[in-house]
Structures are given as structure tokens and as C-alpha cells.
Amino acid sequence: MNNYETVFITTPVLSNDEYTRTVKKYAELIEKAGGNVVHKEDWGIKQLAYPIQKKTTGFYTLLQFEVDPQFIRKFEVEFKRDENIMRFLTTRLDKHAIAYAEQRRNKLSGKSKKAEV
């Protein structure tokens, strides 16, 4: 199993429920393939650098996961077929990227704990 990270942009016209279902669909695809979703982050709606499909904003989502490398091609085909996905990028993480992602998660969780108190 390799570690991967996918960032994808969904169309901004989705309702909150549709967005949640879309993200859940891809997490379930990973789990059905015998993988494990390590971390999920919703970055919210952001301004795009250039218009895509005549839209200037989109919902950004990050998924970090472990899965068999042969699954990635099927995973990306699903992104291409989905009309709600405007762009996506999947990268394989090496040991340094995994360590950085873990530090980043710990830092983010530390900030949220301070905000809750």
C-alpha cells in the first residue's frame, strides 16, 4: 500500500448535502478497494485562479489515504466521469511528505483545541 493525497474541486452550485455525498462517495470508493482514509479536510469555497466551466469559485477538498497503487487509475476515472468535479490532482506521498502532512494535521488540531477552550 502506498500513501496518496488527492485535492479536488467541486462545482460551487452544489447544496451542502450534495457536496457531502460527493466527498463521502470518494471516501467509500477508497475503503471498498481495501484502502484507508487517513485524513479528510474541507477547505471550503475558494476563488479560482482562472474560470473553469464558466465558474470562478469552487469547493476544495483534500483526502489523504493509503491504497493499492493499481486502484489509482480507477479512482481518477471516477473523478473524470463525475460532473460535480471540476479539477483533481492525486500525488503519491514519500516519507518526507507523510511526516509533513502529519505535522500539519497536528498543528491544525492544536489550533482548533485552543479555539474551543
PDB file of N, CA and C in Angstrom:
ATOM      1  N   MET A   1       0.835  -1.180   0.000  1.00  0.00           N
ATOM      2  CA  MET A   1       0.000   0.000   0.000  1.00  0.00           C
ATOM      3  C   MET A   1       0.883   1.248   0.000  1.00  0.00           C
ATOM      4  N   ASN A   2       0.487   2.198  -0.817  1.00  0.00           N
ATOM      5  CA  ASN A   2       1.175   3.486  -0.871  1.00  0.00           C
ATOM      6  C   ASN A   2       0.286   4.564  -0.265  1.00  0.00           C
ATOM      7  N   ASN A   3       0.911   5.646   0.109  1.00  0.00           N
ATOM      8  CA  ASN A   3       0.175   6.798   0.635  1.00  0.00           C
ATOM      9  C   ASN A   3      -0.033   7.801  -0.486  1.00  0.00           C
ATOM     10  N   TYR A   4      -1.240   8.331  -0.566  1.00  0.00           N
ATOM     11  CA  TYR A   4      -1.599   9.296  -1.601  1.00  0.00           C
ATOM     12  C   TYR A   4      -2.348  10.461  -0.978  1.00  0.00           C
ATOM     13  N   GLU A   5      -2.378  11.535  -1.751  1.00  0.00           N
ATOM     14  CA  GLU A   5      -3.129  12.714  -1.367  1.00  0.00           C
ATOM     15  C   GLU A   5      -3.834  13.218  -2.612  1.00  0.00           C
ATOM     16  N   THR A   6      -5.127  13.463  -2.495  1.00  0.00           N
ATOM     17  CA  THR A   6      -5.903  13.991  -3.617  1.00  0.00           C
ATOM     18  C   THR A   6      -6.573  15.278  -3.185  1.00  0.00           C
ATOM     19  N   VAL A   7      -6.406  16.298  -4.001  1.00  0.00           N
ATOM     20  CA  VAL A   7      -7.143  17.545  -3.815  1.00  0.00           C
ATOM     21  C   VAL A   7      -8.083  17.648  -5.002  1.00  0.00           C
ATOM     22  N   PHE A   8      -9.363  17.873  -4.725  1.00  0.00           N
ATOM     23  CA  PHE A   8     -10.308  18.029  -5.831  1.00  0.00           C
ATOM     24  C   PHE A   8     -11.201  19.229  -5.588  1.00  0.00           C
ATOM     25  N   ILE A   9     -11.672  19.794  -6.694  1.00  0.00           N
ATOM     26  CA  ILE A   9     -12.536  20.968  -6.657  1.00  0.00           C
ATOM     27  C   ILE A   9     -13.897  20.567  -7.192  1.00  0.00           C
ATOM     28  N   THR A  10     -14.914  20.796  -6.370  1.00  0.00           N
ATOM     29  CA  THR A  10     -16.276  20.516  -6.818  1.00  0.00           C
ATOM     30  C   THR A  10     -16.955  21.820  -7.201  1.00  0.00           C
ATOM     31  N   THR A  11     -17.942  21.708  -8.027  1.00  0.00           N
ATOM     32  CA  THR A  11     -18.656  22.868  -8.527  1.00  0.00           C
ATOM     33  C   THR A  11     -19.359  23.609  -7.386  1.00  0.00           C
ATOM     34  N   PRO A  12     -19.385  24.928  -7.420  1.00  0.00           N
ATOM     35  CA  PRO A  12     -19.966  25.698  -6.312  1.00  0.00           C
ATOM     36  C   PRO A  12     -21.493  25.702  -6.272  1.00  0.00           C
ATOM     37  N   VAL A  13     -22.150  25.144  -7.274  1.00  0.00           N
ATOM     38  CA  VAL A  13     -23.611  25.160  -7.308  1.00  0.00           C
ATOM     39  C   VAL A  13     -24.231  24.008  -6.514  1.00  0.00           C
ATOM     40  N   LEU A  14     -23.403  23.165  -5.898  1.00  0.00           N
ATOM     41  CA  LEU A  14     -23.918  22.038  -5.116  1.00  0.00           C
ATOM     42  C   LEU A  14     -24.482  22.523  -3.787  1.00  0.00           C
ATOM     43  N   SER A  15     -25.533  21.861  -3.338  1.00  0.00           N
ATOM     44  CA  SER A  15     -26.034  22.139  -1.993  1.00  0.00           C
ATOM     45  C   SER A  15     -25.087  21.479  -0.993  1.00  0.00           C
ATOM     46  N   ASN A  16     -25.269  21.786   0.273  1.00  0.00           N
ATOM     47  CA  ASN A  16     -24.416  21.210   1.302  1.00  0.00           C
ATOM     48  C   ASN A  16     -24.532  19.687   1.329  1.00  0.00           C
ATOM     49  N   ASP A  17     -25.747  19.173   1.169  1.00  0.00           N
ATOM     50  CA  ASP A  17     -25.958  17.723   1.167  1.00  0.00           C
ATOM     51  C   ASP A  17     -25.298  17.058  -0.040  1.00  0.00           C
ATOM     52  N   GLU A  18     -25.420  17.671  -1.207  1.00  0.00           N
ATOM     53  CA  GLU A  18     -24.803  17.117  -2.418  1.00  0.00           C
ATOM     54  C   GLU A  18     -23.284  17.100  -2.296  1.00  0.00           C
ATOM     55  N   TYR A  19     -22.735  18.154  -1.735  1.00  0.00           N
ATOM     56  CA  TYR A  19     -21.281  18.218  -1.536  1.00  0.00           C
ATOM     57  C   TYR A  19     -20.830  17.106  -0.581  1.00  0.00           C
ATOM     58  N   THR A  20     -21.547  16.938   0.520  1.00  0.00           N
ATOM     59  CA  THR A  20     -21.211  15.907   1.497  1.00  0.00           C
ATOM     60  C   THR A  20     -21.299  14.516   0.876  1.00  0.00           C
ATOM     61  N   ARG A  21     -22.337  14.270   0.075  1.00  0.00           N
ATOM     62  CA  ARG A  21     -22.480  12.973  -0.600  1.00  0.00           C
ATOM     63  C   ARG A  21     -21.336  12.727  -1.575  1.00  0.00           C
ATOM     64  N   THR A  22     -20.912  13.767  -2.285  1.00  0.00           N
ATOM     65  CA  THR A  22     -19.826  13.624  -3.253  1.00  0.00           C
ATOM     66  C   THR A  22     -18.524  13.235  -2.556  1.00  0.00           C
ATOM     67  N   VAL A  23     -18.204  13.918  -1.471  1.00  0.00           N
ATOM     68  CA  VAL A  23     -16.976  13.611  -0.727  1.00  0.00           C
ATOM     69  C   VAL A  23     -17.060  12.204  -0.134  1.00  0.00           C
ATOM     70  N   LYS A  24     -18.219  11.865   0.413  1.00  0.00           N
ATOM     71  CA  LYS A  24     -18.413  10.547   1.013  1.00  0.00           C
ATOM     72  C   LYS A  24     -18.271   9.438  -0.036  1.00  0.00           C
ATOM     73  N   LYS A  25     -18.729   9.698  -1.242  1.00  0.00           N
ATOM     74  CA  LYS A  25     -18.643   8.725  -2.337  1.00  0.00           C
ATOM     75  C   LYS A  25     -17.188   8.332  -2.595  1.00  0.00           C
ATOM     76  N   TYR A  26     -16.292   9.321  -2.632  1.00  0.00           N
ATOM     77  CA  TYR A  26     -14.885   9.028  -2.915  1.00  0.00           C
ATOM     78  C   TYR A  26     -14.182   8.375  -1.737  1.00  0.00           C
ATOM     79  N   ALA A  27     -14.568   8.731  -0.520  1.00  0.00           N
ATOM     80  CA  ALA A  27     -14.004   8.064   0.660  1.00  0.00           C
ATOM     81  C   ALA A  27     -14.432   6.597   0.682  1.00  0.00           C
ATOM     82  N   GLU A  28     -15.677   6.335   0.329  1.00  0.00           N
ATOM     83  CA  GLU A  28     -16.171   4.956   0.297  1.00  0.00           C
ATOM     84  C   GLU A  28     -15.513   4.142  -0.811  1.00  0.00           C
ATOM     85  N   LEU A  29     -15.228   4.777  -1.953  1.00  0.00           N
ATOM     86  CA  LEU A  29     -14.521   4.072  -3.031  1.00  0.00           C
ATOM     87  C   LEU A  29     -13.165   3.566  -2.546  1.00  0.00           C
ATOM     88  N   ILE A  30     -12.468   4.413  -1.799  1.00  0.00           N
ATOM     89  CA  ILE A  30     -11.158   4.031  -1.264  1.00  0.00           C
ATOM     90  C   ILE A  30     -11.294   2.859  -0.304  1.00  0.00           C
ATOM     91  N   GLU A  31     -12.269   2.938   0.585  1.00  0.00           N
ATOM     92  CA  GLU A  31     -12.452   1.879   1.576  1.00  0.00           C
ATOM     93  C   GLU A  31     -12.894   0.565   0.934  1.00  0.00           C
ATOM     94  N   LYS A  32     -13.727   0.632  -0.113  1.00  0.00           N
ATOM     95  CA  LYS A  32     -14.155  -0.585  -0.813  1.00  0.00           C
ATOM     96  C   LYS A  32     -12.994  -1.267  -1.519  1.00  0.00           C
ATOM     97  N   ALA A  33     -11.979  -0.489  -1.907  1.00  0.00           N
ATOM     98  CA  ALA A  33     -10.807  -1.047  -2.574  1.00  0.00           C
ATOM     99  C   ALA A  33      -9.788  -1.588  -1.571  1.00  0.00           C
ATOM    100  N   GLY A  34     -10.142  -1.593  -0.294  1.00  0.00           N
ATOM    101  CA  GLY A  34      -9.238  -2.108   0.725  1.00  0.00           C
ATOM    102  C   GLY A  34      -8.297  -1.050   1.269  1.00  0.00           C
ATOM    103  N   GLY A  35      -8.573   0.202   0.962  1.00  0.00           N
ATOM    104  CA  GLY A  35      -7.726   1.296   1.426  1.00  0.00           C
ATOM    105  C   GLY A  35      -8.223   1.878   2.736  1.00  0.00           C
ATOM    106  N   ASN A  36      -7.527   2.906   3.164  1.00  0.00           N
ATOM    107  CA  ASN A  36      -7.838   3.554   4.426  1.00  0.00           C
ATOM    108  C   ASN A  36      -7.720   5.062   4.248  1.00  0.00           C
ATOM    109  N   VAL A  37      -8.770   5.794   4.558  1.00  0.00           N
ATOM    110  CA  VAL A  37      -8.717   7.253   4.508  1.00  0.00           C
ATOM    111  C   VAL A  37      -8.066   7.719   5.804  1.00  0.00           C
ATOM    112  N   VAL A  38      -6.876   8.322   5.676  1.00  0.00           N
ATOM    113  CA  VAL A  38      -6.109   8.770   6.835  1.00  0.00           C
ATOM    114  C   VAL A  38      -6.637  10.106   7.344  1.00  0.00           C
ATOM    115  N   HIS A  39      -6.949  11.012   6.413  1.00  0.00           N
ATOM    116  CA  HIS A  39      -7.362  12.355   6.812  1.00  0.00           C
ATOM    117  C   HIS A  39      -8.205  12.974   5.700  1.00  0.00           C
ATOM    118  N   LYS A  40      -9.195  13.774   6.127  1.00  0.00           N
ATOM    119  CA  LYS A  40     -10.036  14.499   5.182  1.00  0.00           C
ATOM    120  C   LYS A  40     -10.148  15.927   5.663  1.00  0.00           C
ATOM    121  N   GLU A  41      -9.953  16.875   4.748  1.00  0.00           N
ATOM    122  CA  GLU A  41     -10.088  18.290   5.084  1.00  0.00           C
ATOM    123  C   GLU A  41     -10.981  18.976   4.069  1.00  0.00           C
ATOM    124  N   ASP A  42     -11.916  19.739   4.565  1.00  0.00           N
ATOM    125  CA  ASP A  42     -12.728  20.587   3.699  1.00  0.00           C
ATOM    126  C   ASP A  42     -12.147  21.988   3.788  1.00  0.00           C
ATOM    127  N   TRP A  43     -11.621  22.479   2.691  1.00  0.00           N
ATOM    128  CA  TRP A  43     -11.012  23.808   2.679  1.00  0.00           C
ATOM    129  C   TRP A  43     -12.047  24.884   2.389  1.00  0.00           C
ATOM    130  N   GLY A  44     -13.243  24.490   2.062  1.00  0.00           N
ATOM    131  CA  GLY A  44     -14.314  25.449   1.819  1.00  0.00           C
ATOM    132  C   GLY A  44     -14.312  25.981   0.396  1.00  0.00           C
ATOM    133  N   ILE A  45     -15.108  27.011   0.195  1.00  0.00           N
ATOM    134  CA  ILE A  45     -15.223  27.599  -1.137  1.00  0.00           C
ATOM    135  C   ILE A  45     -14.102  28.622  -1.311  1.00  0.00           C
ATOM    136  N   LYS A  46     -13.416  28.536  -2.427  1.00  0.00           N
ATOM    137  CA  LYS A  46     -12.280  29.416  -2.710  1.00  0.00           C
ATOM    138  C   LYS A  46     -12.411  29.989  -4.117  1.00  0.00           C
ATOM    139  N   GLN A  47     -11.774  31.122  -4.300  1.00  0.00           N
ATOM    140  CA  GLN A  47     -11.703  31.764  -5.607  1.00  0.00           C
ATOM    141  C   GLN A  47     -10.720  30.986  -6.483  1.00  0.00           C
ATOM    142  N   LEU A  48     -11.069  30.716  -7.722  1.00  0.00           N
ATOM    143  CA  LEU A  48     -10.190  30.025  -8.656  1.00  0.00           C
ATOM    144  C   LEU A  48      -9.243  31.019  -9.312  1.00  0.00           C
ATOM    145  N   ALA A  49      -8.078  30.548  -9.715  1.00  0.00           N
ATOM    146  CA  ALA A  49      -7.106  31.412 -10.377  1.00  0.00           C
ATOM    147  C   ALA A  49      -7.594  31.819 -11.768  1.00  0.00           C
ATOM    148  N   TYR A  50      -8.383  30.958 -12.383  1.00  0.00           N
ATOM    149  CA  TYR A  50      -8.951  31.233 -13.698  1.00  0.00           C
ATOM    150  C   TYR A  50     -10.295  30.516 -13.787  1.00  0.00           C
ATOM    151  N   PRO A  51     -11.200  30.999 -14.610  1.00  0.00           N
ATOM    152  CA  PRO A  51     -12.521  30.353 -14.704  1.00  0.00           C
ATOM    153  C   PRO A  51     -12.435  28.924 -15.250  1.00  0.00           C
ATOM    154  N   ILE A  52     -13.205  28.053 -14.646  1.00  0.00           N
ATOM    155  CA  ILE A  52     -13.337  26.670 -15.098  1.00  0.00           C
ATOM    156  C   ILE A  52     -14.822  26.430 -15.307  1.00  0.00           C
ATOM    157  N   GLN A  53     -15.210  26.020 -16.505  1.00  0.00           N
ATOM    158  CA  GLN A  53     -16.615  25.786 -16.849  1.00  0.00           C
ATOM    159  C   GLN A  53     -17.465  27.018 -16.502  1.00  0.00           C
ATOM    160  N   LYS A  54     -16.922  28.185 -16.785  1.00  0.00           N
ATOM    161  CA  LYS A  54     -17.572  29.479 -16.548  1.00  0.00           C
ATOM    162  C   LYS A  54     -17.873  29.738 -15.066  1.00  0.00           C
ATOM    163  N   LYS A  55     -17.132  29.073 -14.178  1.00  0.00           N
ATOM    164  CA  LYS A  55     -17.286  29.287 -12.739  1.00  0.00           C
ATOM    165  C   LYS A  55     -15.977  29.860 -12.182  1.00  0.00           C
ATOM    166  N   THR A  56     -16.104  30.782 -11.238  1.00  0.00           N
ATOM    167  CA  THR A  56     -14.907  31.430 -10.684  1.00  0.00           C
ATOM    168  C   THR A  56     -14.605  30.986  -9.254  1.00  0.00           C
ATOM    169  N   THR A  57     -15.455  30.135  -8.664  1.00  0.00           N
ATOM    170  CA  THR A  57     -15.217  29.595  -7.330  1.00  0.00           C
ATOM    171  C   THR A  57     -15.460  28.097  -7.336  1.00  0.00           C
ATOM    172  N   GLY A  58     -15.004  27.436  -6.275  1.00  0.00           N
ATOM    173  CA  GLY A  58     -15.228  26.001  -6.150  1.00  0.00           C
ATOM    174  C   GLY A  58     -14.959  25.540  -4.731  1.00  0.00           C
ATOM    175  N   PHE A  59     -15.533  24.399  -4.351  1.00  0.00           N
ATOM    176  CA  PHE A  59     -15.293  23.790  -3.042  1.00  0.00           C
ATOM    177  C   PHE A  59     -14.042  22.925  -3.128  1.00  0.00           C
ATOM    178  N   TYR A  60     -13.052  23.212  -2.312  1.00  0.00           N
ATOM    179  CA  TYR A  60     -11.810  22.441  -2.287  1.00  0.00           C
ATOM    180  C   TYR A  60     -11.873  21.396  -1.183  1.00  0.00           C
ATOM    181  N   THR A  61     -11.403  20.192  -1.500  1.00  0.00           N
ATOM    182  CA  THR A  61     -11.360  19.098  -0.526  1.00  0.00           C
ATOM    183  C   THR A  61     -10.052  18.348  -0.677  1.00  0.00           C
ATOM    184  N   LEU A  62      -9.462  17.976   0.462  1.00  0.00           N
ATOM    185  CA  LEU A  62      -8.230  17.192   0.482  1.00  0.00           C
ATOM    186  C   LEU A  62      -8.526  15.844   1.113  1.00  0.00           C
ATOM    187  N   LEU A  63      -8.120  14.774   0.449  1.00  0.00           N
ATOM    188  CA  LEU A  63      -8.207  13.420   1.001  1.00  0.00           C
ATOM    189  C   LEU A  63      -6.810  12.833   1.054  1.00  0.00           C
ATOM    190  N   GLN A  64      -6.387  12.375   2.222  1.00  0.00           N
ATOM    191  CA  GLN A  64      -5.118  11.659   2.339  1.00  0.00           C
ATOM    192  C   GLN A  64      -5.472  10.221   2.671  1.00  0.00           C
ATOM    193  N   PHE A  65      -4.884   9.272   1.930  1.00  0.00           N
ATOM    194  CA  PHE A  65      -5.298   7.888   2.084  1.00  0.00           C
ATOM    195  C   PHE A  65      -4.184   6.927   1.733  1.00  0.00           C
ATOM    196  N   GLU A  66      -4.367   5.669   2.155  1.00  0.00           N
ATOM    197  CA  GLU A  66      -3.476   4.558   1.821  1.00  0.00           C
ATOM    198  C   GLU A  66      -4.280   3.580   0.980  1.00  0.00           C
ATOM    199  N   VAL A  67      -3.699   3.169  -0.143  1.00  0.00           N
ATOM    200  CA  VAL A  67      -4.412   2.242  -1.016  1.00  0.00           C
ATOM    201  C   VAL A  67      -3.410   1.563  -1.943  1.00  0.00           C
ATOM    202  N   ASP A  68      -3.835   0.469  -2.545  1.00  0.00           N
ATOM    203  CA  ASP A  68      -3.028  -0.245  -3.530  1.00  0.00           C
ATOM    204  C   ASP A  68      -2.837   0.638  -4.767  1.00  0.00           C
ATOM    205  N   PRO A  69      -1.627   0.729  -5.310  1.00  0.00           N
ATOM    206  CA  PRO A  69      -1.367   1.615  -6.449  1.00  0.00           C
ATOM    207  C   PRO A  69      -2.224   1.339  -7.687  1.00  0.00           C
ATOM    208  N   GLN A  70      -2.673   0.116  -7.866  1.00  0.00           N
ATOM    209  CA  GLN A  70      -3.467  -0.220  -9.044  1.00  0.00           C
ATOM    210  C   GLN A  70      -4.864   0.400  -8.995  1.00  0.00           C
ATOM    211  N   PHE A  71      -5.284   0.829  -7.819  1.00  0.00           N
ATOM    212  CA  PHE A  71      -6.603   1.431  -7.661  1.00  0.00           C
ATOM    213  C   PHE A  71      -6.645   2.866  -8.181  1.00  0.00           C
ATOM    214  N   ILE A  72      -5.527   3.551  -8.228  1.00  0.00           N
ATOM    215  CA  ILE A  72      -5.497   4.978  -8.552  1.00  0.00           C
ATOM    216  C   ILE A  72      -6.095   5.267  -9.923  1.00  0.00           C
ATOM    217  N   ARG A  73      -5.814   4.440 -10.894  1.00  0.00           N
ATOM    218  CA  ARG A  73      -6.372   4.668 -12.234  1.00  0.00           C
ATOM    219  C   ARG A  73      -7.902   4.636 -12.200  1.00  0.00           C
ATOM    220  N   LYS A  74      -8.488   3.660 -11.526  1.00  0.00           N
ATOM    221  CA  LYS A  74      -9.952   3.568 -11.402  1.00  0.00           C
ATOM    222  C   LYS A  74     -10.506   4.774 -10.649  1.00  0.00           C
ATOM    223  N   PHE A  75      -9.787   5.192  -9.614  1.00  0.00           N
ATOM    224  CA  PHE A  75     -10.194   6.333  -8.799  1.00  0.00           C
ATOM    225  C   PHE A  75     -10.263   7.602  -9.644  1.00  0.00           C
ATOM    226  N   GLU A  76      -9.255   7.827 -10.463  1.00  0.00           N
ATOM    227  CA  GLU A  76      -9.219   9.026 -11.302  1.00  0.00           C
ATOM    228  C   GLU A  76     -10.251   8.971 -12.422  1.00  0.00           C
ATOM    229  N   VAL A  77     -10.562   7.784 -12.916  1.00  0.00           N
ATOM    230  CA  VAL A  77     -11.619   7.647 -13.925  1.00  0.00           C
ATOM    231  C   VAL A  77     -12.955   8.081 -13.330  1.00  0.00           C
ATOM    232  N   GLU A  78     -13.188   7.734 -12.070  1.00  0.00           N
ATOM    233  CA  GLU A  78     -14.427   8.165 -11.405  1.00  0.00           C
ATOM    234  C   GLU A  78     -14.497   9.684 -11.307  1.00  0.00           C
ATOM    235  N   PHE A  79     -13.375  10.343 -11.029  1.00  0.00           N
ATOM    236  CA  PHE A  79     -13.348  11.803 -10.998  1.00  0.00           C
ATOM    237  C   PHE A  79     -13.705  12.379 -12.364  1.00  0.00           C
ATOM    238  N   LYS A  80     -13.148  11.792 -13.414  1.00  0.00           N
ATOM    239  CA  LYS A  80     -13.400  12.294 -14.770  1.00  0.00           C
ATOM    240  C   LYS A  80     -14.861  12.122 -15.175  1.00  0.00           C
ATOM    241  N   ARG A  81     -15.517  11.091 -14.685  1.00  0.00           N
ATOM    242  CA  ARG A  81     -16.919  10.829 -15.039  1.00  0.00           C
ATOM    243  C   ARG A  81     -17.906  11.697 -14.270  1.00  0.00           C
ATOM    244  N   ASP A  82     -17.485  12.185 -13.122  1.00  0.00           N
ATOM    245  CA  ASP A  82     -18.386  12.931 -12.243  1.00  0.00           C
ATOM    246  C   ASP A  82     -18.508  14.379 -12.709  1.00  0.00           C
ATOM    247  N   GLU A  83     -19.715  14.819 -12.994  1.00  0.00           N
ATOM    248  CA  GLU A  83     -19.954  16.183 -13.465  1.00  0.00           C
ATOM    249  C   GLU A  83     -19.746  17.219 -12.370  1.00  0.00           C
ATOM    250  N   ASN A  84     -19.802  16.795 -11.112  1.00  0.00           N
ATOM    251  CA  ASN A  84     -19.622  17.722  -9.999  1.00  0.00           C
ATOM    252  C   ASN A  84     -18.158  18.095  -9.759  1.00  0.00           C
ATOM    253  N   ILE A  85     -17.228  17.306 -10.298  1.00  0.00           N
ATOM    254  CA  ILE A  85     -15.799  17.547 -10.098  1.00  0.00           C
ATOM    255  C   ILE A  85     -15.269  18.398 -11.241  1.00  0.00           C
ATOM    256  N   MET A  86     -14.696  19.549 -10.883  1.00  0.00           N
ATOM    257  CA  MET A  86     -14.150  20.440 -11.909  1.00  0.00           C
ATOM    258  C   MET A  86     -12.677  20.141 -12.177  1.00  0.00           C
ATOM    259  N   ARG A  87     -11.885  19.878 -11.136  1.00  0.00           N
ATOM    260  CA  ARG A  87     -10.471  19.538 -11.269  1.00  0.00           C
ATOM    261  C   ARG A  87     -10.079  18.619 -10.125  1.00  0.00           C
ATOM    262  N   PHE A  88      -9.005  17.837 -10.332  1.00  0.00           N
ATOM    263  CA  PHE A  88      -8.473  16.989  -9.270  1.00  0.00           C
ATOM    264  C   PHE A  88      -6.991  16.767  -9.518  1.00  0.00           C
ATOM    265  N   LEU A  89      -6.275  16.467  -8.455  1.00  0.00           N
ATOM    266  CA  LEU A  89      -4.856  16.153  -8.546  1.00  0.00           C
ATOM    267  C   LEU A  89      -4.526  15.128  -7.474  1.00  0.00           C
ATOM    268  N   THR A  90      -3.974  13.993  -7.894  1.00  0.00           N
ATOM    269  CA  THR A  90      -3.569  12.938  -6.972  1.00  0.00           C
ATOM    270  C   THR A  90      -2.062  12.828  -7.003  1.00  0.00           C
ATOM    271  N   THR A  91      -1.449  12.825  -5.821  1.00  0.00           N
ATOM    272  CA  THR A  91       0.010  12.685  -5.723  1.00  0.00           C
ATOM    273  C   THR A  91       0.342  11.576  -4.739  1.00  0.00           C
ATOM    274  N   ARG A  92       1.424  10.862  -5.032  1.00  0.00           N
ATOM    275  CA  ARG A  92       1.927   9.832  -4.129  1.00  0.00           C
ATOM    276  C   ARG A  92       2.835  10.520  -3.124  1.00  0.00           C
ATOM    277  N   LEU A  93       2.684  10.188  -1.847  1.00  0.00           N
ATOM    278  CA  LEU A  93       3.462  10.826  -0.799  1.00  0.00           C
ATOM    279  C   LEU A  93       4.669   9.968  -0.429  1.00  0.00           C
ATOM    280  N   ASP A  94       5.851  10.599  -0.371  1.00  0.00           N
ATOM    281  CA  ASP A  94       7.026   9.897   0.119  1.00  0.00           C
ATOM    282  C   ASP A  94       7.107  10.073   1.637  1.00  0.00           C
ATOM    283  N   LYS A  95       8.154   9.547   2.262  1.00  0.00           N
ATOM    284  CA  LYS A  95       8.224   9.580   3.724  1.00  0.00           C
ATOM    285  C   LYS A  95       8.295  11.002   4.267  1.00  0.00           C
ATOM    286  N   HIS A  96       8.920  11.907   3.520  1.00  0.00           N
ATOM    287  CA  HIS A  96       9.023  13.293   3.968  1.00  0.00           C
ATOM    288  C   HIS A  96       7.665  13.999   3.881  1.00  0.00           C
ATOM    289  N   ALA A  97       6.934  13.734   2.830  1.00  0.00           N
ATOM    290  CA  ALA A  97       5.607  14.335   2.663  1.00  0.00           C
ATOM    291  C   ALA A  97       4.641  13.796   3.707  1.00  0.00           C
ATOM    292  N   ILE A  98       4.761  12.526   4.057  1.00  0.00           N
ATOM    293  CA  ILE A  98       3.906  11.945   5.092  1.00  0.00           C
ATOM    294  C   ILE A  98       4.183  12.612   6.434  1.00  0.00           C
ATOM    295  N   ALA A  99       5.466  12.803   6.751  1.00  0.00           N
ATOM    296  CA  ALA A  99       5.846  13.461   8.007  1.00  0.00           C
ATOM    297  C   ALA A  99       5.328  14.899   8.037  1.00  0.00           C
ATOM    298  N   TYR A 100       5.460  15.604   6.916  1.00  0.00           N
ATOM    299  CA  TYR A 100       4.973  16.981   6.848  1.00  0.00           C
ATOM    300  C   TYR A 100       3.452  17.038   7.027  1.00  0.00           C
ATOM    301  N   ALA A 101       2.743  16.134   6.370  1.00  0.00           N
ATOM    302  CA  ALA A 101       1.283  16.108   6.479  1.00  0.00           C
ATOM    303  C   ALA A 101       0.855  15.824   7.914  1.00  0.00           C
ATOM    304  N   GLU A 102       1.576  14.947   8.590  1.00  0.00           N
ATOM    305  CA  GLU A 102       1.252  14.636   9.979  1.00  0.00           C
ATOM    306  C   GLU A 102       1.500  15.849  10.883  1.00  0.00           C
ATOM    307  N   GLN A 103       2.602  16.548  10.668  1.00  0.00           N
ATOM    308  CA  GLN A 103       2.874  17.766  11.440  1.00  0.00           C
ATOM    309  C   GLN A 103       1.792  18.812  11.198  1.00  0.00           C
ATOM    310  N   ARG A 104       1.392  18.954   9.960  1.00  0.00           N
ATOM    311  CA  ARG A 104       0.363  19.925   9.595  1.00  0.00           C
ATOM    312  C   ARG A 104      -0.965  19.599  10.276  1.00  0.00           C
ATOM    313  N   ARG A 105      -1.334  18.315  10.280  1.00  0.00           N
ATOM    314  CA  ARG A 105      -2.564  17.885  10.952  1.00  0.00           C
ATOM    315  C   ARG A 105      -2.504  18.174  12.444  1.00  0.00           C
ATOM    316  N   ASN A 106      -1.357  17.871  13.063  1.00  0.00           N
ATOM    317  CA  ASN A 106      -1.208  18.113  14.497  1.00  0.00           C
ATOM    318  C   ASN A 106      -1.284  19.605  14.807  1.00  0.00           C
ATOM    319  N   LYS A 107      -0.701  20.409  13.958  1.00  0.00           N
ATOM    320  CA  LYS A 107      -0.737  21.855  14.150  1.00  0.00           C
ATOM    321  C   LYS A 107      -2.169  22.373  14.018  1.00  0.00           C
ATOM    322  N   LEU A 108      -2.898  21.871  13.014  1.00  0.00           N
ATOM    323  CA  LEU A 108      -4.289  22.295  12.821  1.00  0.00           C
ATOM    324  C   LEU A 108      -5.166  21.858  13.982  1.00  0.00           C
ATOM    325  N   SER A 109      -4.965  20.646  14.467  1.00  0.00           N
ATOM    326  CA  SER A 109      -5.776  20.167  15.589  1.00  0.00           C
ATOM    327  C   SER A 109      -5.430  20.933  16.859  1.00  0.00           C
ATOM    328  N   GLY A 110      -4.186  21.352  17.027  1.00  0.00           N
ATOM    329  CA  GLY A 110      -3.795  22.152  18.184  1.00  0.00           C
ATOM    330  C   GLY A 110      -4.458  23.511  18.168  1.00  0.00           C
ATOM    331  N   LYS A 111      -4.571  24.111  16.969  1.00  0.00           N
ATOM    332  CA  LYS A 111      -5.233  25.406  16.852  1.00  0.00           C
ATOM    333  C   LYS A 111      -6.706  25.300  17.173  1.00  0.00           C
ATOM    334  N   SER A 112      -7.336  24.210  16.703  1.00  0.00           N
ATOM    335  CA  SER A 112      -8.768  24.066  16.940  1.00  0.00           C
ATOM    336  C   SER A 112      -9.054  23.813  18.411  1.00  0.00           C
ATOM    337  N   LYS A 113      -8.157  23.123  19.129  1.00  0.00           N
ATOM    338  CA  LYS A 113      -8.369  22.892  20.559  1.00  0.00           C
ATOM    339  C   LYS A 113      -8.286  24.196  21.333  1.00  0.00           C
ATOM    340  N   LYS A 114      -7.351  25.066  20.955  1.00  0.00           N
ATOM    341  CA  LYS A 114      -7.225  26.350  21.627  1.00  0.00           C
ATOM    342  C   LYS A 114      -8.459  27.215  21.374  1.00  0.00           C
ATOM    343  N   ALA A 115      -9.010  27.125  20.177  1.00  0.00           N
ATOM    344  CA  ALA A 115     -10.184  27.926  19.826  1.00  0.00           C
ATOM    345  C   ALA A 115     -11.417  27.458  20.599  1.00  0.00           C
ATOM    346  N   GLU A 116     -11.487  26.155  20.909  1.00  0.00           N
ATOM    347  CA  GLU A 116     -12.647  25.618  21.597  1.00  0.00           C
ATOM    348  C   GLU A 116     -12.664  26.004  23.068  1.00  0.00           C
ATOM    349  N   VAL A 117     -11.495  26.187  23.677  1.00  0.00           N
ATOM    350  CA  VAL A 117     -11.402  26.453  25.123  1.00  0.00           C
ATOM    351  C   VAL A 117     -11.875  27.809  25.491  1.00  0.00           C
TER     352      VAL A 117
END
